């Protein structure tokens, strides 16, 4: 089983990397660029077949290490 964790900054938290990306895209000639937010994707290979247990385990990983719940949101996606 594989888990994908999508981590992004919460709304209202400044995103300097997103602003830099937006500026770079504009500098490259792309038009119509609005607000850009960046995040990260973490893929984890898990042993076991129980999706309930896997989700609970990945949730714990997010709370303890993978995300900062004060300023970040995360979404967990389980794949076979």
PDB file of N, CA and C in Angstrom:
ATOM      1  N   UNK A   1       0.852  -1.167   0.000  1.00  0.00           N
ATOM      2  CA  UNK A   1       0.000   0.000   0.000  1.00  0.00           C
ATOM      3  C   UNK A   1       0.900   1.233   0.000  1.00  0.00           C
ATOM      4  N   UNK A   2       0.432   2.279  -0.637  1.00  0.00           N
ATOM      5  CA  UNK A   2       1.190   3.522  -0.704  1.00  0.00           C
ATOM      6  C   UNK A   2       0.310   4.656  -0.194  1.00  0.00           C
ATOM      7  N   UNK A   3       0.937   5.593   0.506  1.00  0.00           N
ATOM      8  CA  UNK A   3       0.230   6.790   0.966  1.00  0.00           C
ATOM      9  C   UNK A   3       0.864   8.002   0.316  1.00  0.00           C
ATOM     10  N   UNK A   4       0.034   8.909  -0.115  1.00  0.00           N
ATOM     11  CA  UNK A   4       0.495  10.210  -0.597  1.00  0.00           C
ATOM     12  C   UNK A   4      -0.027  11.256   0.378  1.00  0.00           C
ATOM     13  N   UNK A   5       0.872  12.109   0.822  1.00  0.00           N
ATOM     14  CA  UNK A   5       0.501  13.185   1.733  1.00  0.00           C
ATOM     15  C   UNK A   5       0.763  14.498   1.008  1.00  0.00           C
ATOM     16  N   UNK A   6      -0.284  15.286   0.832  1.00  0.00           N
ATOM     17  CA  UNK A   6      -0.185  16.599   0.204  1.00  0.00           C
ATOM     18  C   UNK A   6      -0.179  17.631   1.332  1.00  0.00           C
ATOM     19  N   UNK A   7       0.894  18.408   1.413  1.00  0.00           N
ATOM     20  CA  UNK A   7       1.035  19.408   2.470  1.00  0.00           C
ATOM     21  C   UNK A   7       1.046  20.787   1.819  1.00  0.00           C
ATOM     22  N   UNK A   8       0.233  21.701   2.352  1.00  0.00           N
ATOM     23  CA  UNK A   8       0.203  23.066   1.830  1.00  0.00           C
ATOM     24  C   UNK A   8       0.004  24.041   2.975  1.00  0.00           C
ATOM     25  N   UNK A   9       0.417  25.282   2.747  1.00  0.00           N
ATOM     26  CA  UNK A   9       0.247  26.308   3.762  1.00  0.00           C
ATOM     27  C   UNK A   9      -1.227  26.662   3.913  1.00  0.00           C
ATOM     28  N   UNK A  10      -1.637  26.959   5.113  1.00  0.00           N
ATOM     29  CA  UNK A  10      -3.010  27.384   5.357  1.00  0.00           C
ATOM     30  C   UNK A  10      -3.251  28.748   4.718  1.00  0.00           C
ATOM     31  N   UNK A  11      -4.503  29.020   4.400  1.00  0.00           N
ATOM     32  CA  UNK A  11      -4.878  30.325   3.861  1.00  0.00           C
ATOM     33  C   UNK A  11      -4.496  31.394   4.883  1.00  0.00           C
ATOM     34  N   UNK A  12      -3.962  32.479   4.392  1.00  0.00           N
ATOM     35  CA  UNK A  12      -3.569  33.565   5.273  1.00  0.00           C
ATOM     36  C   UNK A  12      -2.121  33.504   5.722  1.00  0.00           C
ATOM     37  N   UNK A  13      -1.464  32.358   5.524  1.00  0.00           N
ATOM     38  CA  UNK A  13      -0.048  32.242   5.863  1.00  0.00           C
ATOM     39  C   UNK A  13       0.745  32.710   4.638  1.00  0.00           C
ATOM     40  N   UNK A  14       1.687  33.623   4.848  1.00  0.00           N
ATOM     41  CA  UNK A  14       2.490  34.127   3.744  1.00  0.00           C
ATOM     42  C   UNK A  14       3.270  32.991   3.093  1.00  0.00           C
ATOM     43  N   UNK A  15       3.352  33.039   1.753  1.00  0.00           N
ATOM     44  CA  UNK A  15       4.041  32.009   0.983  1.00  0.00           C
ATOM     45  C   UNK A  15       5.088  32.677   0.087  1.00  0.00           C
ATOM     46  N   UNK A  16       6.280  32.959   0.627  1.00  0.00           N
ATOM     47  CA  UNK A  16       7.294  33.640  -0.176  1.00  0.00           C
ATOM     48  C   UNK A  16       7.740  32.834  -1.401  1.00  0.00           C
ATOM     49  N   UNK A  17       7.770  31.511  -1.298  1.00  0.00           N
ATOM     50  CA  UNK A  17       8.141  30.698  -2.456  1.00  0.00           C
ATOM     51  C   UNK A  17       7.078  30.797  -3.544  1.00  0.00           C
ATOM     52  N   UNK A  18       5.821  30.822  -3.157  1.00  0.00           N
ATOM     53  CA  UNK A  18       4.747  30.992  -4.129  1.00  0.00           C
ATOM     54  C   UNK A  18       4.856  32.331  -4.843  1.00  0.00           C
ATOM     55  N   UNK A  19       5.176  33.391  -4.092  1.00  0.00           N
ATOM     56  CA  UNK A  19       5.355  34.720  -4.695  1.00  0.00           C
ATOM     57  C   UNK A  19       6.535  34.718  -5.665  1.00  0.00           C
ATOM     58  N   UNK A  20       7.633  34.040  -5.292  1.00  0.00           N
ATOM     59  CA  UNK A  20       8.801  33.954  -6.173  1.00  0.00           C
ATOM     60  C   UNK A  20       8.462  33.198  -7.460  1.00  0.00           C
ATOM     61  N   UNK A  21       7.686  32.128  -7.333  1.00  0.00           N
ATOM     62  CA  UNK A  21       7.261  31.368  -8.516  1.00  0.00           C
ATOM     63  C   UNK A  21       6.408  32.242  -9.417  1.00  0.00           C
ATOM     64  N   UNK A  22       5.456  32.973  -8.837  1.00  0.00           N
ATOM     65  CA  UNK A  22       4.591  33.858  -9.626  1.00  0.00           C
ATOM     66  C   UNK A  22       5.424  34.914 -10.346  1.00  0.00           C
ATOM     67  N   UNK A  23       6.392  35.493  -9.652  1.00  0.00           N
ATOM     68  CA  UNK A  23       7.251  36.507 -10.260  1.00  0.00           C
ATOM     69  C   UNK A  23       8.061  35.906 -11.416  1.00  0.00           C
ATOM     70  N   UNK A  24       8.617  34.712 -11.206  1.00  0.00           N
ATOM     71  CA  UNK A  24       9.415  34.051 -12.244  1.00  0.00           C
ATOM     72  C   UNK A  24       8.562  33.725 -13.461  1.00  0.00           C
ATOM     73  N   UNK A  25       7.344  33.252 -13.247  1.00  0.00           N
ATOM     74  CA  UNK A  25       6.455  32.941 -14.374  1.00  0.00           C
ATOM     75  C   UNK A  25       6.134  34.198 -15.175  1.00  0.00           C
ATOM     76  N   UNK A  26       5.885  35.297 -14.472  1.00  0.00           N
ATOM     77  CA  UNK A  26       5.612  36.564 -15.149  1.00  0.00           C
ATOM     78  C   UNK A  26       6.846  37.012 -15.935  1.00  0.00           C
ATOM     79  N   UNK A  27       8.025  36.862 -15.338  1.00  0.00           N
ATOM     80  CA  UNK A  27       9.279  37.230 -16.013  1.00  0.00           C
ATOM     81  C   UNK A  27       9.517  36.393 -17.265  1.00  0.00           C
ATOM     82  N   UNK A  28       9.018  35.181 -17.276  1.00  0.00           N
ATOM     83  CA  UNK A  28       9.164  34.304 -18.444  1.00  0.00           C
ATOM     84  C   UNK A  28       8.119  34.570 -19.517  1.00  0.00           C
ATOM     85  N   UNK A  29       7.248  35.542 -19.262  1.00  0.00           N
ATOM     86  CA  UNK A  29       6.269  35.923 -20.281  1.00  0.00           C
ATOM     87  C   UNK A  29       4.892  35.314 -20.113  1.00  0.00           C
ATOM     88  N   UNK A  30       4.677  34.558 -19.067  1.00  0.00           N
ATOM     89  CA  UNK A  30       3.349  33.999 -18.830  1.00  0.00           C
ATOM     90  C   UNK A  30       2.455  35.099 -18.276  1.00  0.00           C
ATOM     91  N   UNK A  31       1.262  35.205 -18.810  1.00  0.00           N
ATOM     92  CA  UNK A  31       0.346  36.265 -18.382  1.00  0.00           C
ATOM     93  C   UNK A  31      -0.837  35.657 -17.645  1.00  0.00           C
ATOM     94  N   UNK A  32      -1.549  36.508 -16.932  1.00  0.00           N
ATOM     95  CA  UNK A  32      -2.743  36.058 -16.227  1.00  0.00           C
ATOM     96  C   UNK A  32      -2.424  35.254 -14.979  1.00  0.00           C
ATOM     97  N   UNK A  33      -1.220  35.400 -14.456  1.00  0.00           N
ATOM     98  CA  UNK A  33      -0.834  34.661 -13.254  1.00  0.00           C
ATOM     99  C   UNK A  33      -1.414  35.378 -12.037  1.00  0.00           C
ATOM    100  N   UNK A  34      -2.191  34.665 -11.270  1.00  0.00           N
ATOM    101  CA  UNK A  34      -2.749  35.207 -10.032  1.00  0.00           C
ATOM    102  C   UNK A  34      -1.897  34.763  -8.853  1.00  0.00           C
ATOM    103  N   UNK A  35      -2.547  34.505  -7.763  1.00  0.00           N
ATOM    104  CA  UNK A  35      -1.860  34.046  -6.554  1.00  0.00           C
ATOM    105  C   UNK A  35      -1.324  32.636  -6.777  1.00  0.00           C
ATOM    106  N   UNK A  36      -0.075  32.403  -6.437  1.00  0.00           N
ATOM    107  CA  UNK A  36       0.552  31.081  -6.546  1.00  0.00           C
ATOM    108  C   UNK A  36       0.888  30.604  -5.145  1.00  0.00           C
ATOM    109  N   UNK A  37       0.487  29.391  -4.828  1.00  0.00           N
ATOM    110  CA  UNK A  37       0.818  28.757  -3.546  1.00  0.00           C
ATOM    111  C   UNK A  37       1.584  27.489  -3.867  1.00  0.00           C
ATOM    112  N   UNK A  38       2.607  27.209  -3.114  1.00  0.00           N
ATOM    113  CA  UNK A  38       3.363  25.984  -3.344  1.00  0.00           C
ATOM    114  C   UNK A  38       3.230  25.082  -2.127  1.00  0.00           C
ATOM    115  N   UNK A  39       3.459  23.813  -2.337  1.00  0.00           N
ATOM    116  CA  UNK A  39       3.375  22.839  -1.253  1.00  0.00           C
ATOM    117  C   UNK A  39       4.342  21.710  -1.509  1.00  0.00           C
ATOM    118  N   UNK A  40       4.091  20.580  -0.865  1.00  0.00           N
ATOM    119  CA  UNK A  40       4.955  19.422  -1.070  1.00  0.00           C
ATOM    120  C   UNK A  40       4.112  18.157  -1.107  1.00  0.00           C
ATOM    121  N   UNK A  41       4.652  17.170  -1.789  1.00  0.00           N
ATOM    122  CA  UNK A  41       4.024  15.862  -1.903  1.00  0.00           C
ATOM    123  C   UNK A  41       4.994  14.843  -1.334  1.00  0.00           C
ATOM    124  N   UNK A  42       4.520  14.025  -0.400  1.00  0.00           N
ATOM    125  CA  UNK A  42       5.343  12.994   0.223  1.00  0.00           C
ATOM    126  C   UNK A  42       4.694  11.650  -0.068  1.00  0.00           C
ATOM    127  N   UNK A  43       5.446  10.715  -0.649  1.00  0.00           N
ATOM    128  CA  UNK A  43       4.945   9.369  -0.911  1.00  0.00           C
ATOM    129  C   UNK A  43       5.620   8.395   0.046  1.00  0.00           C
ATOM    130  N   UNK A  44       4.811   7.547   0.661  1.00  0.00           N
ATOM    131  CA  UNK A  44       5.314   6.598   1.650  1.00  0.00           C
ATOM    132  C   UNK A  44       4.817   5.200   1.280  1.00  0.00           C
ATOM    133  N   UNK A  45       5.736   4.255   1.148  1.00  0.00           N
ATOM    134  CA  UNK A  45       5.364   2.852   0.928  1.00  0.00           C
ATOM    135  C   UNK A  45       5.106   2.227   2.290  1.00  0.00           C
ATOM    136  N   UNK A  46       3.938   1.621   2.439  1.00  0.00           N
ATOM    137  CA  UNK A  46       3.536   1.022   3.713  1.00  0.00           C
ATOM    138  C   UNK A  46       3.335  -0.478   3.555  1.00  0.00           C
ATOM    139  N   UNK A  47       3.710  -1.235   4.573  1.00  0.00           N
ATOM    140  CA  UNK A  47       3.397  -2.664   4.565  1.00  0.00           C
ATOM    141  C   UNK A  47       2.019  -2.835   5.203  1.00  0.00           C
ATOM    142  N   UNK A  48       1.373  -3.907   4.896  1.00  0.00           N
ATOM    143  CA  UNK A  48       0.046  -4.151   5.453  1.00  0.00           C
ATOM    144  C   UNK A  48      -1.046  -3.836   4.445  1.00  0.00           C
ATOM    145  N   UNK A  49      -2.234  -4.324   4.749  1.00  0.00           N
ATOM    146  CA  UNK A  49      -3.363  -4.192   3.827  1.00  0.00           C
ATOM    147  C   UNK A  49      -4.567  -3.486   4.436  1.00  0.00           C
ATOM    148  N   UNK A  50      -4.489  -3.112   5.695  1.00  0.00           N
ATOM    149  CA  UNK A  50      -5.628  -2.502   6.383  1.00  0.00           C
ATOM    150  C   UNK A  50      -5.622  -0.986   6.170  1.00  0.00           C
ATOM    151  N   UNK A  51      -6.543  -0.473   5.349  1.00  0.00           N
ATOM    152  CA  UNK A  51      -6.544   0.961   5.059  1.00  0.00           C
ATOM    153  C   UNK A  51      -6.866   1.829   6.273  1.00  0.00           C
ATOM    154  N   UNK A  52      -7.661   1.330   7.193  1.00  0.00           N
ATOM    155  CA  UNK A  52      -8.005   2.108   8.393  1.00  0.00           C
ATOM    156  C   UNK A  52      -6.760   2.292   9.258  1.00  0.00           C
ATOM    157  N   UNK A  53      -6.034   1.216   9.452  1.00  0.00           N
ATOM    158  CA  UNK A  53      -4.801   1.290  10.247  1.00  0.00           C
ATOM    159  C   UNK A  53      -3.745   2.145   9.543  1.00  0.00           C
ATOM    160  N   UNK A  54      -3.629   1.980   8.221  1.00  0.00           N
ATOM    161  CA  UNK A  54      -2.651   2.750   7.455  1.00  0.00           C
ATOM    162  C   UNK A  54      -2.939   4.240   7.557  1.00  0.00           C
ATOM    163  N   UNK A  55      -4.204   4.627   7.407  1.00  0.00           N
ATOM    164  CA  UNK A  55      -4.577   6.044   7.488  1.00  0.00           C
ATOM    165  C   UNK A  55      -4.256   6.604   8.881  1.00  0.00           C
ATOM    166  N   UNK A  56      -4.561   5.830   9.914  1.00  0.00           N
ATOM    167  CA  UNK A  56      -4.283   6.275  11.280  1.00  0.00           C
ATOM    168  C   UNK A  56      -2.776   6.448  11.498  1.00  0.00           C
ATOM    169  N   UNK A  57      -1.997   5.539  10.951  1.00  0.00           N
ATOM    170  CA  UNK A  57      -0.550   5.615  11.099  1.00  0.00           C
ATOM    171  C   UNK A  57       0.017   6.839  10.362  1.00  0.00           C
ATOM    172  N   UNK A  58      -0.454   7.072   9.154  1.00  0.00           N
ATOM    173  CA  UNK A  58       0.026   8.222   8.382  1.00  0.00           C
ATOM    174  C   UNK A  58      -0.441   9.523   9.036  1.00  0.00           C
ATOM    175  N   UNK A  59      -1.631   9.527   9.582  1.00  0.00           N
ATOM    176  CA  UNK A  59      -2.133  10.703  10.320  1.00  0.00           C
ATOM    177  C   UNK A  59      -1.180  11.042  11.462  1.00  0.00           C
ATOM    178  N   UNK A  60      -0.728  10.036  12.196  1.00  0.00           N
ATOM    179  CA  UNK A  60       0.228  10.238  13.289  1.00  0.00           C
ATOM    180  C   UNK A  60       1.542  10.786  12.759  1.00  0.00           C
ATOM    181  N   UNK A  61       2.007  10.249  11.622  1.00  0.00           N
ATOM    182  CA  UNK A  61       3.240  10.746  11.002  1.00  0.00           C
ATOM    183  C   UNK A  61       3.133  12.232  10.661  1.00  0.00           C
ATOM    184  N   UNK A  62       1.973  12.613  10.149  1.00  0.00           N
ATOM    185  CA  UNK A  62       1.747  14.012   9.781  1.00  0.00           C
ATOM    186  C   UNK A  62       1.800  14.909  11.010  1.00  0.00           C
ATOM    187  N   UNK A  63       1.142  14.483  12.068  1.00  0.00           N
ATOM    188  CA  UNK A  63       1.097  15.290  13.286  1.00  0.00           C
ATOM    189  C   UNK A  63       2.464  15.419  13.950  1.00  0.00           C
ATOM    190  N   UNK A  64       3.278  14.364  13.846  1.00  0.00           N
ATOM    191  CA  UNK A  64       4.566  14.361  14.548  1.00  0.00           C
ATOM    192  C   UNK A  64       5.733  14.896  13.717  1.00  0.00           C
ATOM    193  N   UNK A  65       5.651  14.796  12.376  1.00  0.00           N
ATOM    194  CA  UNK A  65       6.824  15.143  11.583  1.00  0.00           C
ATOM    195  C   UNK A  65       6.528  15.797  10.233  1.00  0.00           C
ATOM    196  N   UNK A  66       5.608  15.233   9.479  1.00  0.00           N
ATOM    197  CA  UNK A  66       5.476  15.622   8.074  1.00  0.00           C
ATOM    198  C   UNK A  66       4.860  16.998   7.848  1.00  0.00           C
ATOM    199  N   UNK A  67       4.048  17.472   8.774  1.00  0.00           N
ATOM    200  CA  UNK A  67       3.391  18.772   8.605  1.00  0.00           C
ATOM    201  C   UNK A  67       3.423  19.536   9.920  1.00  0.00           C
ATOM    202  N   UNK A  68       3.395  20.831   9.804  1.00  0.00           N
ATOM    203  CA  UNK A  68       3.273  21.702  10.972  1.00  0.00           C
ATOM    204  C   UNK A  68       1.811  22.141  11.042  1.00  0.00           C
ATOM    205  N   UNK A  69       1.005  21.510  11.895  1.00  0.00           N
ATOM    206  CA  UNK A  69      -0.436  21.786  11.895  1.00  0.00           C
ATOM    207  C   UNK A  69      -0.797  23.225  12.277  1.00  0.00           C
ATOM    208  N   UNK A  70       0.153  23.987  12.789  1.00  0.00           N
ATOM    209  CA  UNK A  70      -0.127  25.384  13.116  1.00  0.00           C
ATOM    210  C   UNK A  70      -0.262  26.205  11.836  1.00  0.00           C
ATOM    211  N   UNK A  71       0.591  25.932  10.827  1.00  0.00           N
ATOM    212  CA  UNK A  71       0.577  26.744   9.607  1.00  0.00           C
ATOM    213  C   UNK A  71       0.290  25.946   8.337  1.00  0.00           C
ATOM    214  N   UNK A  72       0.181  24.620   8.441  1.00  0.00           N
ATOM    215  CA  UNK A  72      -0.008  23.801   7.246  1.00  0.00           C
ATOM    216  C   UNK A  72      -1.244  22.908   7.350  1.00  0.00           C
ATOM    217  N   UNK A  73      -1.857  22.675   6.202  1.00  0.00           N
ATOM    218  CA  UNK A  73      -2.902  21.669   6.049  1.00  0.00           C
ATOM    219  C   UNK A  73      -2.277  20.461   5.371  1.00  0.00           C
ATOM    220  N   UNK A  74      -2.876  19.297   5.562  1.00  0.00           N
ATOM    221  CA  UNK A  74      -2.410  18.120   4.844  1.00  0.00           C
ATOM    222  C   UNK A  74      -3.609  17.258   4.468  1.00  0.00           C
ATOM    223  N   UNK A  75      -3.431  16.530   3.386  1.00  0.00           N
ATOM    224  CA  UNK A  75      -4.460  15.588   2.913  1.00  0.00           C
ATOM    225  C   UNK A  75      -3.769  14.253   2.643  1.00  0.00           C
ATOM    226  N   UNK A  76      -4.388  13.188   3.091  1.00  0.00           N
ATOM    227  CA  UNK A  76      -3.819  11.847   2.941  1.00  0.00           C
ATOM    228  C   UNK A  76      -4.606  11.107   1.874  1.00  0.00           C
ATOM    229  N   UNK A  77      -3.874  10.505   0.954  1.00  0.00           N
ATOM    230  CA  UNK A  77      -4.469   9.699  -0.109  1.00  0.00           C
ATOM    231  C   UNK A  77      -3.838   8.310  -0.032  1.00  0.00           C
ATOM    232  N   UNK A  78      -4.654   7.276   0.088  1.00  0.00           N
ATOM    233  CA  UNK A  78      -4.149   5.896   0.133  1.00  0.00           C
ATOM    234  C   UNK A  78      -4.347   5.246  -1.219  1.00  0.00           C
ATOM    235  N   UNK A  79      -3.310   4.562  -1.683  1.00  0.00           N
ATOM    236  CA  UNK A  79      -3.344   3.860  -2.968  1.00  0.00           C
ATOM    237  C   UNK A  79      -3.003   2.389  -2.739  1.00  0.00           C
ATOM    238  N   UNK A  80      -3.562   1.513  -3.539  1.00  0.00           N
ATOM    239  CA  UNK A  80      -3.258   0.076  -3.381  1.00  0.00           C
ATOM    240  C   UNK A  80      -1.803  -0.237  -3.688  1.00  0.00           C
TER     241      UNK A  80
END
